[in-house]
Amino acid sequence: KLTGQHVLAAKAGGATAMVTPCPLCHTVLDSFQPEMEKDID
């Protein structure tokens, strides 16, 4: 729920990609996207 909103905001802002220096953030932002998409439909 938390990260889905961040990715959605980045997309709405016009981003074609996200970049992070944190390996933990990378794991969540990349790995959980299918679940995020289901959550926000």
PDB file of all heavy atoms in Angstrom:
ATOM      1  N   LYS A   1       0.833  -1.215   0.000  1.00  0.00           N
ATOM      2  CA  LYS A   1       0.000   0.000   0.000  1.00  0.00           C
ATOM      3  C   LYS A   1       0.861   1.256   0.000  1.00  0.00           C
ATOM      4  O   LYS A   1       0.610   2.189  -0.756  1.00  0.00           O
ATOM      5  CB  LYS A   1      -0.931   0.010   1.203  1.00  0.00           C
ATOM      6  CG  LYS A   1      -2.114  -0.892   1.044  1.00  0.00           C
ATOM      7  CD  LYS A   1      -3.240  -0.456   1.955  1.00  0.00           C
ATOM      8  CE  LYS A   1      -4.498  -1.199   1.641  1.00  0.00           C
ATOM      9  NZ  LYS A   1      -5.056  -0.930   0.359  1.00  0.00           N
ATOM     10  N   LEU A   2       1.863   1.271   0.862  1.00  0.00           N
ATOM     11  CA  LEU A   2       2.733   2.431   1.002  1.00  0.00           C
ATOM     12  C   LEU A   2       3.477   2.713  -0.297  1.00  0.00           C
ATOM     13  O   LEU A   2       3.416   3.815  -0.835  1.00  0.00           O
ATOM     14  CB  LEU A   2       3.725   2.163   2.143  1.00  0.00           C
ATOM     15  CG  LEU A   2       4.685   3.254   2.545  1.00  0.00           C
ATOM     16  CD1 LEU A   2       3.915   4.414   3.156  1.00  0.00           C
ATOM     17  CD2 LEU A   2       5.665   2.693   3.572  1.00  0.00           C
ATOM     18  N   THR A   3       4.153   1.734  -0.797  1.00  0.00           N
ATOM     19  CA  THR A   3       5.016   1.934  -1.958  1.00  0.00           C
ATOM     20  C   THR A   3       4.224   2.069  -3.245  1.00  0.00           C
ATOM     21  O   THR A   3       4.645   2.773  -4.161  1.00  0.00           O
ATOM     22  CB  THR A   3       6.052   0.802  -2.050  1.00  0.00           C
ATOM     23  OG1 THR A   3       6.646   0.658  -0.764  1.00  0.00           O
ATOM     24  CG2 THR A   3       7.142   1.131  -3.038  1.00  0.00           C
ATOM     25  N   GLY A   4       3.091   1.419  -3.342  1.00  0.00           N
ATOM     26  CA  GLY A   4       2.251   1.568  -4.534  1.00  0.00           C
ATOM     27  C   GLY A   4       1.894   3.022  -4.773  1.00  0.00           C
ATOM     28  O   GLY A   4       1.889   3.499  -5.919  1.00  0.00           O
ATOM     29  N   GLN A   5       1.633   3.757  -3.704  1.00  0.00           N
ATOM     30  CA  GLN A   5       1.303   5.179  -3.841  1.00  0.00           C
ATOM     31  C   GLN A   5       2.511   5.990  -4.318  1.00  0.00           C
ATOM     32  O   GLN A   5       2.362   6.935  -5.090  1.00  0.00           O
ATOM     33  CB  GLN A   5       0.773   5.729  -2.513  1.00  0.00           C
ATOM     34  CG  GLN A   5      -0.566   5.141  -2.118  1.00  0.00           C
ATOM     35  CD  GLN A   5      -1.624   5.312  -3.204  1.00  0.00           C
ATOM     36  OE1 GLN A   5      -1.826   6.406  -3.729  1.00  0.00           O
ATOM     37  NE2 GLN A   5      -2.283   4.220  -3.551  1.00  0.00           N
ATOM     38  N   HIS A   6       3.715   5.611  -3.878  1.00  0.00           N
ATOM     39  CA  HIS A   6       4.926   6.312  -4.326  1.00  0.00           C
ATOM     40  C   HIS A   6       5.155   6.086  -5.822  1.00  0.00           C
ATOM     41  O   HIS A   6       5.449   7.023  -6.562  1.00  0.00           O
ATOM     42  CB  HIS A   6       6.156   5.845  -3.548  1.00  0.00           C
ATOM     43  CG  HIS A   6       6.070   6.030  -2.069  1.00  0.00           C
ATOM     44  ND1 HIS A   6       5.442   7.089  -1.464  1.00  0.00           N
ATOM     45  CD2 HIS A   6       6.544   5.264  -1.057  1.00  0.00           C
ATOM     46  CE1 HIS A   6       5.540   6.981  -0.153  1.00  0.00           C
ATOM     47  NE2 HIS A   6       6.210   5.871   0.117  1.00  0.00           N
ATOM     48  N   VAL A   7       5.024   4.847  -6.258  1.00  0.00           N
ATOM     49  CA  VAL A   7       5.235   4.536  -7.680  1.00  0.00           C
ATOM     50  C   VAL A   7       4.165   5.219  -8.529  1.00  0.00           C
ATOM     51  O   VAL A   7       4.457   5.779  -9.583  1.00  0.00           O
ATOM     52  CB  VAL A   7       5.259   3.009  -7.931  1.00  0.00           C
ATOM     53  CG1 VAL A   7       5.422   2.711  -9.408  1.00  0.00           C
ATOM     54  CG2 VAL A   7       6.379   2.348  -7.127  1.00  0.00           C
ATOM     55  N   LEU A   8       2.935   5.192  -8.070  1.00  0.00           N
ATOM     56  CA  LEU A   8       1.839   5.843  -8.786  1.00  0.00           C
ATOM     57  C   LEU A   8       2.094   7.349  -8.913  1.00  0.00           C
ATOM     58  O   LEU A   8       1.898   7.931  -9.991  1.00  0.00           O
ATOM     59  CB  LEU A   8       0.517   5.583  -8.070  1.00  0.00           C
ATOM     60  CG  LEU A   8      -0.748   6.075  -8.763  1.00  0.00           C
ATOM     61  CD1 LEU A   8      -0.904   5.441 -10.139  1.00  0.00           C
ATOM     62  CD2 LEU A   8      -1.961   5.767  -7.898  1.00  0.00           C
ATOM     63  N   ALA A   9       2.571   7.976  -7.851  1.00  0.00           N
ATOM     64  CA  ALA A   9       2.880   9.412  -7.885  1.00  0.00           C
ATOM     65  C   ALA A   9       4.017   9.702  -8.863  1.00  0.00           C
ATOM     66  O   ALA A   9       3.975  10.690  -9.599  1.00  0.00           O
ATOM     67  CB  ALA A   9       3.237   9.915  -6.491  1.00  0.00           C
ATOM     68  N   ALA A  10       5.036   8.832  -8.897  1.00  0.00           N
ATOM     69  CA  ALA A  10       6.146   9.012  -9.839  1.00  0.00           C
ATOM     70  C   ALA A  10       5.657   8.903 -11.278  1.00  0.00           C
ATOM     71  O   ALA A  10       6.034   9.692 -12.141  1.00  0.00           O
ATOM     72  CB  ALA A  10       7.237   7.980  -9.561  1.00  0.00           C
ATOM     73  N   LYS A  11       4.803   7.936 -11.525  1.00  0.00           N
ATOM     74  CA  LYS A  11       4.254   7.746 -12.875  1.00  0.00           C
ATOM     75  C   LYS A  11       3.399   8.946 -13.273  1.00  0.00           C
ATOM     76  O   LYS A  11       3.527   9.464 -14.381  1.00  0.00           O
ATOM     77  CB  LYS A  11       3.443   6.457 -12.930  1.00  0.00           C
ATOM     78  CG  LYS A  11       2.953   6.129 -14.312  1.00  0.00           C
ATOM     79  CD  LYS A  11       2.319   4.760 -14.375  1.00  0.00           C
ATOM     80  CE  LYS A  11       1.927   4.477 -15.808  1.00  0.00           C
ATOM     81  NZ  LYS A  11       2.207   3.130 -16.200  1.00  0.00           N
ATOM     82  N   ALA A  12       2.558   9.406 -12.363  1.00  0.00           N
ATOM     83  CA  ALA A  12       1.709  10.564 -12.634  1.00  0.00           C
ATOM     84  C   ALA A  12       2.551  11.814 -12.892  1.00  0.00           C
ATOM     85  O   ALA A  12       2.145  12.694 -13.659  1.00  0.00           O
ATOM     86  CB  ALA A  12       0.743  10.806 -11.475  1.00  0.00           C
ATOM     87  N   GLY A  13       3.722  11.881 -12.280  1.00  0.00           N
ATOM     88  CA  GLY A  13       4.626  13.015 -12.472  1.00  0.00           C
ATOM     89  C   GLY A  13       5.399  12.959 -13.777  1.00  0.00           C
ATOM     90  O   GLY A  13       6.125  13.890 -14.097  1.00  0.00           O
ATOM     91  N   GLY A  14       5.285  11.862 -14.506  1.00  0.00           N
ATOM     92  CA  GLY A  14       5.938  11.760 -15.802  1.00  0.00           C
ATOM     93  C   GLY A  14       7.183  10.904 -15.863  1.00  0.00           C
ATOM     94  O   GLY A  14       7.875  10.874 -16.880  1.00  0.00           O
ATOM     95  N   ALA A  15       7.478  10.169 -14.811  1.00  0.00           N
ATOM     96  CA  ALA A  15       8.687   9.334 -14.804  1.00  0.00           C
ATOM     97  C   ALA A  15       8.513   8.120 -15.712  1.00  0.00           C
ATOM     98  O   ALA A  15       7.447   7.510 -15.753  1.00  0.00           O
ATOM     99  CB  ALA A  15       9.005   8.865 -13.396  1.00  0.00           C
ATOM    100  N   THR A  16       9.588   7.769 -16.413  1.00  0.00           N
ATOM    101  CA  THR A  16       9.610   6.526 -17.184  1.00  0.00           C
ATOM    102  C   THR A  16      10.412   5.458 -16.448  1.00  0.00           C
ATOM    103  O   THR A  16      10.367   4.292 -16.825  1.00  0.00           O
ATOM    104  CB  THR A  16      10.194   6.730 -18.589  1.00  0.00           C
ATOM    105  OG1 THR A  16      11.472   7.354 -18.482  1.00  0.00           O
ATOM    106  CG2 THR A  16       9.291   7.613 -19.438  1.00  0.00           C
ATOM    107  N   ALA A  17      11.130   5.870 -15.401  1.00  0.00           N
ATOM    108  CA  ALA A  17      11.884   4.928 -14.564  1.00  0.00           C
ATOM    109  C   ALA A  17      12.109   5.575 -13.207  1.00  0.00           C
ATOM    110  O   ALA A  17      12.064   6.793 -13.077  1.00  0.00           O
ATOM    111  CB  ALA A  17      13.224   4.578 -15.210  1.00  0.00           C
ATOM    112  N   MET A  18      12.342   4.728 -12.212  1.00  0.00           N
ATOM    113  CA  MET A  18      12.705   5.211 -10.887  1.00  0.00           C
ATOM    114  C   MET A  18      14.142   4.789 -10.615  1.00  0.00           C
ATOM    115  O   MET A  18      14.609   3.794 -11.173  1.00  0.00           O
ATOM    116  CB  MET A  18      11.771   4.637  -9.823  1.00  0.00           C
ATOM    117  CG  MET A  18      10.350   5.144  -9.928  1.00  0.00           C
ATOM    118  SD  MET A  18       9.246   4.462  -8.669  1.00  0.00           S
ATOM    119  CE  MET A  18       9.639   5.521  -7.278  1.00  0.00           C
ATOM    120  N   VAL A  19      14.815   5.540  -9.755  1.00  0.00           N
ATOM    121  CA  VAL A  19      16.174   5.196  -9.366  1.00  0.00           C
ATOM    122  C   VAL A  19      16.302   5.362  -7.860  1.00  0.00           C
ATOM    123  O   VAL A  19      15.776   6.319  -7.288  1.00  0.00           O
ATOM    124  CB  VAL A  19      17.224   6.050 -10.119  1.00  0.00           C
ATOM    125  CG1 VAL A  19      17.080   7.528  -9.807  1.00  0.00           C
ATOM    126  CG2 VAL A  19      18.639   5.570  -9.814  1.00  0.00           C
ATOM    127  N   THR A  20      16.966   4.395  -7.235  1.00  0.00           N
ATOM    128  CA  THR A  20      17.173   4.444  -5.790  1.00  0.00           C
ATOM    129  C   THR A  20      18.578   3.947  -5.452  1.00  0.00           C
ATOM    130  O   THR A  20      19.083   3.034  -6.094  1.00  0.00           O
ATOM    131  CB  THR A  20      16.112   3.602  -5.043  1.00  0.00           C
ATOM    132  OG1 THR A  20      16.327   3.750  -3.635  1.00  0.00           O
ATOM    133  CG2 THR A  20      16.150   2.147  -5.431  1.00  0.00           C
ATOM    134  N   PRO A  21      19.206   4.545  -4.444  1.00  0.00           N
ATOM    135  CA  PRO A  21      20.502   4.042  -3.997  1.00  0.00           C
ATOM    136  C   PRO A  21      20.366   2.916  -2.971  1.00  0.00           C
ATOM    137  O   PRO A  21      21.344   2.258  -2.645  1.00  0.00           O
ATOM    138  CB  PRO A  21      21.143   5.275  -3.356  1.00  0.00           C
ATOM    139  CG  PRO A  21      19.993   6.070  -2.868  1.00  0.00           C
ATOM    140  CD  PRO A  21      18.863   5.827  -3.831  1.00  0.00           C
ATOM    141  N   CYS A  22      19.151   2.679  -2.501  1.00  0.00           N
ATOM    142  CA  CYS A  22      18.937   1.719  -1.417  1.00  0.00           C
ATOM    143  C   CYS A  22      18.541   0.342  -1.956  1.00  0.00           C
ATOM    144  O   CYS A  22      17.537   0.217  -2.662  1.00  0.00           O
ATOM    145  CB  CYS A  22      17.845   2.251  -0.492  1.00  0.00           C
ATOM    146  SG  CYS A  22      17.426   1.116   0.841  1.00  0.00           S
ATOM    147  N   PRO A  23      19.291  -0.700  -1.634  1.00  0.00           N
ATOM    148  CA  PRO A  23      18.937  -2.036  -2.113  1.00  0.00           C
ATOM    149  C   PRO A  23      17.615  -2.544  -1.528  1.00  0.00           C
ATOM    150  O   PRO A  23      16.905  -3.315  -2.168  1.00  0.00           O
ATOM    151  CB  PRO A  23      20.105  -2.914  -1.685  1.00  0.00           C
ATOM    152  CG  PRO A  23      20.826  -2.155  -0.635  1.00  0.00           C
ATOM    153  CD  PRO A  23      20.529  -0.696  -0.851  1.00  0.00           C
ATOM    154  N   LEU A  24      17.264  -2.100  -0.327  1.00  0.00           N
ATOM    155  CA  LEU A  24      15.996  -2.508   0.264  1.00  0.00           C
ATOM    156  C   LEU A  24      14.842  -1.872  -0.505  1.00  0.00           C
ATOM    157  O   LEU A  24      13.858  -2.543  -0.839  1.00  0.00           O
ATOM    158  CB  LEU A  24      15.942  -2.113   1.743  1.00  0.00           C
ATOM    159  CG  LEU A  24      17.098  -2.598   2.623  1.00  0.00           C
ATOM    160  CD1 LEU A  24      16.943  -2.095   4.043  1.00  0.00           C
ATOM    161  CD2 LEU A  24      17.218  -4.103   2.575  1.00  0.00           C
ATOM    162  N   CYS A  25      14.949  -0.583  -0.789  1.00  0.00           N
ATOM    163  CA  CYS A  25      13.920   0.102  -1.574  1.00  0.00           C
ATOM    164  C   CYS A  25      13.817  -0.513  -2.965  1.00  0.00           C
ATOM    165  O   CYS A  25      12.710  -0.703  -3.484  1.00  0.00           O
ATOM    166  CB  CYS A  25      14.237   1.588  -1.693  1.00  0.00           C
ATOM    167  SG  CYS A  25      14.122   2.510  -0.146  1.00  0.00           S
ATOM    168  N   HIS A  26      14.950  -0.824  -3.569  1.00  0.00           N
ATOM    169  CA  HIS A  26      14.918  -1.425  -4.899  1.00  0.00           C
ATOM    170  C   HIS A  26      14.129  -2.730  -4.874  1.00  0.00           C
ATOM    171  O   HIS A  26      13.310  -3.001  -5.750  1.00  0.00           O
ATOM    172  CB  HIS A  26      16.332  -1.661  -5.428  1.00  0.00           C
ATOM    173  CG  HIS A  26      16.337  -2.174  -6.823  1.00  0.00           C
ATOM    174  ND1 HIS A  26      16.282  -3.517  -7.116  1.00  0.00           N
ATOM    175  CD2 HIS A  26      16.337  -1.521  -8.003  1.00  0.00           C
ATOM    176  CE1 HIS A  26      16.267  -3.668  -8.425  1.00  0.00           C
ATOM    177  NE2 HIS A  26      16.296  -2.474  -8.983  1.00  0.00           N
ATOM    178  N   THR A  27      14.360  -3.527  -3.863  1.00  0.00           N
ATOM    179  CA  THR A  27      13.665  -4.806  -3.735  1.00  0.00           C
ATOM    180  C   THR A  27      12.154  -4.600  -3.681  1.00  0.00           C
ATOM    181  O   THR A  27      11.406  -5.263  -4.400  1.00  0.00           O
ATOM    182  CB  THR A  27      14.147  -5.551  -2.474  1.00  0.00           C
ATOM    183  OG1 THR A  27      15.544  -5.813  -2.611  1.00  0.00           O
ATOM    184  CG2 THR A  27      13.399  -6.849  -2.277  1.00  0.00           C
ATOM    185  N   VAL A  28      11.702  -3.681  -2.846  1.00  0.00           N
ATOM    186  CA  VAL A  28      10.262  -3.458  -2.710  1.00  0.00           C
ATOM    187  C   VAL A  28       9.683  -2.817  -3.966  1.00  0.00           C
ATOM    188  O   VAL A  28       8.662  -3.265  -4.493  1.00  0.00           O
ATOM    189  CB  VAL A  28       9.957  -2.592  -1.460  1.00  0.00           C
ATOM    190  CG1 VAL A  28       8.483  -2.210  -1.411  1.00  0.00           C
ATOM    191  CG2 VAL A  28      10.348  -3.338  -0.204  1.00  0.00           C
ATOM    192  N   LEU A  29      10.318  -1.755  -4.466  1.00  0.00           N
ATOM    193  CA  LEU A  29       9.795  -1.040  -5.630  1.00  0.00           C
ATOM    194  C   LEU A  29       9.696  -1.943  -6.857  1.00  0.00           C
ATOM    195  O   LEU A  29       8.756  -1.835  -7.639  1.00  0.00           O
ATOM    196  CB  LEU A  29      10.683   0.166  -5.961  1.00  0.00           C
ATOM    197  CG  LEU A  29      10.650   1.328  -4.981  1.00  0.00           C
ATOM    198  CD1 LEU A  29      11.806   2.276  -5.245  1.00  0.00           C
ATOM    199  CD2 LEU A  29       9.320   2.060  -5.057  1.00  0.00           C
ATOM    200  N   ASP A  30      10.642  -2.824  -7.031  1.00  0.00           N
ATOM    201  CA  ASP A  30      10.666  -3.704  -8.205  1.00  0.00           C
ATOM    202  C   ASP A  30       9.856  -4.976  -7.973  1.00  0.00           C
ATOM    203  O   ASP A  30       8.980  -5.313  -8.762  1.00  0.00           O
ATOM    204  CB  ASP A  30      12.122  -4.046  -8.553  1.00  0.00           C
ATOM    205  CG  ASP A  30      12.251  -4.859  -9.831  1.00  0.00           C
ATOM    206  OD1 ASP A  30      11.609  -4.504 -10.838  1.00  0.00           O
ATOM    207  OD2 ASP A  30      13.000  -5.852  -9.819  1.00  0.00           O
ATOM    208  N   SER A  31      10.114  -5.663  -6.897  1.00  0.00           N
ATOM    209  CA  SER A  31       9.528  -6.995  -6.676  1.00  0.00           C
ATOM    210  C   SER A  31       8.036  -6.999  -6.385  1.00  0.00           C
ATOM    211  O   SER A  31       7.336  -7.940  -6.753  1.00  0.00           O
ATOM    212  CB  SER A  31      10.239  -7.708  -5.528  1.00  0.00           C
ATOM    213  OG  SER A  31      11.600  -7.854  -5.825  1.00  0.00           O
ATOM    214  N   PHE A  32       7.546  -5.972  -5.709  1.00  0.00           N
ATOM    215  CA  PHE A  32       6.143  -5.975  -5.295  1.00  0.00           C
ATOM    216  C   PHE A  32       5.208  -5.264  -6.274  1.00  0.00           C
ATOM    217  O   PHE A  32       4.031  -5.087  -5.983  1.00  0.00           O
ATOM    218  CB  PHE A  32       5.984  -5.346  -3.907  1.00  0.00           C
ATOM    219  CG  PHE A  32       6.473  -6.202  -2.773  1.00  0.00           C
ATOM    220  CD1 PHE A  32       7.359  -5.692  -1.845  1.00  0.00           C
ATOM    221  CD2 PHE A  32       6.047  -7.509  -2.631  1.00  0.00           C
ATOM    222  CE1 PHE A  32       7.815  -6.472  -0.787  1.00  0.00           C
ATOM    223  CE2 PHE A  32       6.494  -8.298  -1.579  1.00  0.00           C
ATOM    224  CZ  PHE A  32       7.375  -7.773  -0.652  1.00  0.00           C
ATOM    225  N   GLN A  33       5.698  -4.871  -7.442  1.00  0.00           N
ATOM    226  CA  GLN A  33       4.826  -4.123  -8.347  1.00  0.00           C
ATOM    227  C   GLN A  33       3.572  -4.873  -8.781  1.00  0.00           C
ATOM    228  O   GLN A  33       2.499  -4.271  -8.852  1.00  0.00           O
ATOM    229  CB  GLN A  33       5.591  -3.597  -9.566  1.00  0.00           C
ATOM    230  CG  GLN A  33       6.119  -2.221  -9.310  1.00  0.00           C
ATOM    231  CD  GLN A  33       6.587  -1.499 -10.538  1.00  0.00           C
ATOM    232  OE1 GLN A  33       5.840  -1.353 -11.504  1.00  0.00           O
ATOM    233  NE2 GLN A  33       7.833  -1.045 -10.502  1.00  0.00           N
ATOM    234  N   PRO A  34       3.634  -6.173  -9.048  1.00  0.00           N
ATOM    235  CA  PRO A  34       2.381  -6.862  -9.399  1.00  0.00           C
ATOM    236  C   PRO A  34       1.326  -6.759  -8.291  1.00  0.00           C
ATOM    237  O   PRO A  34       0.148  -6.527  -8.571  1.00  0.00           O
ATOM    238  CB  PRO A  34       2.817  -8.315  -9.617  1.00  0.00           C
ATOM    239  CG  PRO A  34       4.257  -8.221  -9.993  1.00  0.00           C
ATOM    240  CD  PRO A  34       4.797  -7.060  -9.203  1.00  0.00           C
ATOM    241  N   GLU A  35       1.761  -6.862  -7.044  1.00  0.00           N
ATOM    242  CA  GLU A  35       0.836  -6.734  -5.920  1.00  0.00           C
ATOM    243  C   GLU A  35       0.345  -5.297  -5.772  1.00  0.00           C
ATOM    244  O   GLU A  35      -0.805  -5.054  -5.429  1.00  0.00           O
ATOM    245  CB  GLU A  35       1.494  -7.207  -4.624  1.00  0.00           C
ATOM    246  CG  GLU A  35       1.739  -8.700  -4.574  1.00  0.00           C
ATOM    247  CD  GLU A  35       3.058  -9.136  -5.236  1.00  0.00           C
ATOM    248  OE1 GLU A  35       3.769  -8.275  -5.834  1.00  0.00           O
ATOM    249  OE2 GLU A  35       3.368 -10.322  -5.175  1.00  0.00           O
ATOM    250  N   MET A  36       1.229  -4.326  -6.029  1.00  0.00           N
ATOM    251  CA  MET A  36       0.834  -2.913  -5.979  1.00  0.00           C
ATOM    252  C   MET A  36      -0.249  -2.642  -7.023  1.00  0.00           C
ATOM    253  O   MET A  36      -1.228  -1.940  -6.744  1.00  0.00           O
ATOM    254  CB  MET A  36       2.040  -2.001  -6.262  1.00  0.00           C
ATOM    255  CG  MET A  36       3.094  -1.961  -5.216  1.00  0.00           C
ATOM    256  SD  MET A  36       4.459  -0.938  -5.848  1.00  0.00           S
ATOM    257  CE  MET A  36       5.838  -1.686  -5.003  1.00  0.00           C
ATOM    258  N   GLU A  37      -0.048  -3.171  -8.212  1.00  0.00           N
ATOM    259  CA  GLU A  37      -1.016  -2.960  -9.293  1.00  0.00           C
ATOM    260  C   GLU A  37      -2.387  -3.524  -8.923  1.00  0.00           C
ATOM    261  O   GLU A  37      -3.414  -2.896  -9.199  1.00  0.00           O
ATOM    262  CB  GLU A  37      -0.506  -3.585 -10.592  1.00  0.00           C
ATOM    263  CG  GLU A  37       0.694  -2.864 -11.154  1.00  0.00           C
ATOM    264  CD  GLU A  37       1.327  -3.539 -12.355  1.00  0.00           C
ATOM    265  OE1 GLU A  37       1.065  -4.740 -12.595  1.00  0.00           O
ATOM    266  OE2 GLU A  37       2.094  -2.863 -13.066  1.00  0.00           O
ATOM    267  N   LYS A  38      -2.400  -4.686  -8.298  1.00  0.00           N
ATOM    268  CA  LYS A  38      -3.675  -5.257  -7.845  1.00  0.00           C
ATOM    269  C   LYS A  38      -4.312  -4.380  -6.780  1.00  0.00           C
ATOM    270  O   LYS A  38      -5.521  -4.153  -6.782  1.00  0.00           O
ATOM    271  CB  LYS A  38      -3.468  -6.673  -7.301  1.00  0.00           C
ATOM    272  CG  LYS A  38      -3.198  -7.698  -8.357  1.00  0.00           C
ATOM    273  CD  LYS A  38      -2.938  -9.059  -7.738  1.00  0.00           C
ATOM    274  CE  LYS A  38      -2.427 -10.024  -8.792  1.00  0.00           C
ATOM    275  NZ  LYS A  38      -1.792 -11.198  -8.214  1.00  0.00           N
ATOM    276  N   ASP A  39      -3.503  -3.872  -5.867  1.00  0.00           N
ATOM    277  CA  ASP A  39      -4.010  -3.061  -4.768  1.00  0.00           C
ATOM    278  C   ASP A  39      -4.632  -1.756  -5.255  1.00  0.00           C
ATOM    279  O   ASP A  39      -5.675  -1.345  -4.763  1.00  0.00           O
ATOM    280  CB  ASP A  39      -2.889  -2.762  -3.766  1.00  0.00           C
ATOM    281  CG  ASP A  39      -3.378  -1.983  -2.573  1.00  0.00           C
ATOM    282  OD1 ASP A  39      -4.245  -2.510  -1.840  1.00  0.00           O
ATOM    283  OD2 ASP A  39      -2.917  -0.839  -2.385  1.00  0.00           O
ATOM    284  N   ILE A  40      -3.994  -1.095  -6.217  1.00  0.00           N
ATOM    285  CA  ILE A  40      -4.516   0.189  -6.705  1.00  0.00           C
ATOM    286  C   ILE A  40      -5.351   0.031  -7.970  1.00  0.00           C
ATOM    287  O   ILE A  40      -5.858   1.017  -8.492  1.00  0.00           O
ATOM    288  CB  ILE A  40      -3.379   1.209  -6.947  1.00  0.00           C
ATOM    289  CG1 ILE A  40      -2.405   0.716  -8.023  1.00  0.00           C
ATOM    290  CG2 ILE A  40      -2.653   1.524  -5.654  1.00  0.00           C
ATOM    291  CD1 ILE A  40      -1.360   1.735  -8.429  1.00  0.00           C
ATOM    292  N   ASP A  41      -5.455  -1.210  -8.453  1.00  0.00           N
ATOM    293  CA  ASP A  41      -6.238  -1.511  -9.650  1.00  0.00           C
ATOM    294  C   ASP A  41      -5.812  -0.640 -10.833  1.00  0.00           C
ATOM    295  O   ASP A  41      -6.632  -0.047 -11.532  1.00  0.00           O
ATOM    296  CB  ASP A  41      -7.740  -1.350  -9.373  1.00  0.00           C
ATOM    297  CG  ASP A  41      -8.581  -2.015 -10.456  1.00  0.00           C
ATOM    298  OD1 ASP A  41      -8.119  -3.023 -11.029  1.00  0.00           O
ATOM    299  OD2 ASP A  41      -9.691  -1.517 -10.727  1.00  0.00           O
TER     300      ASP A  41
END
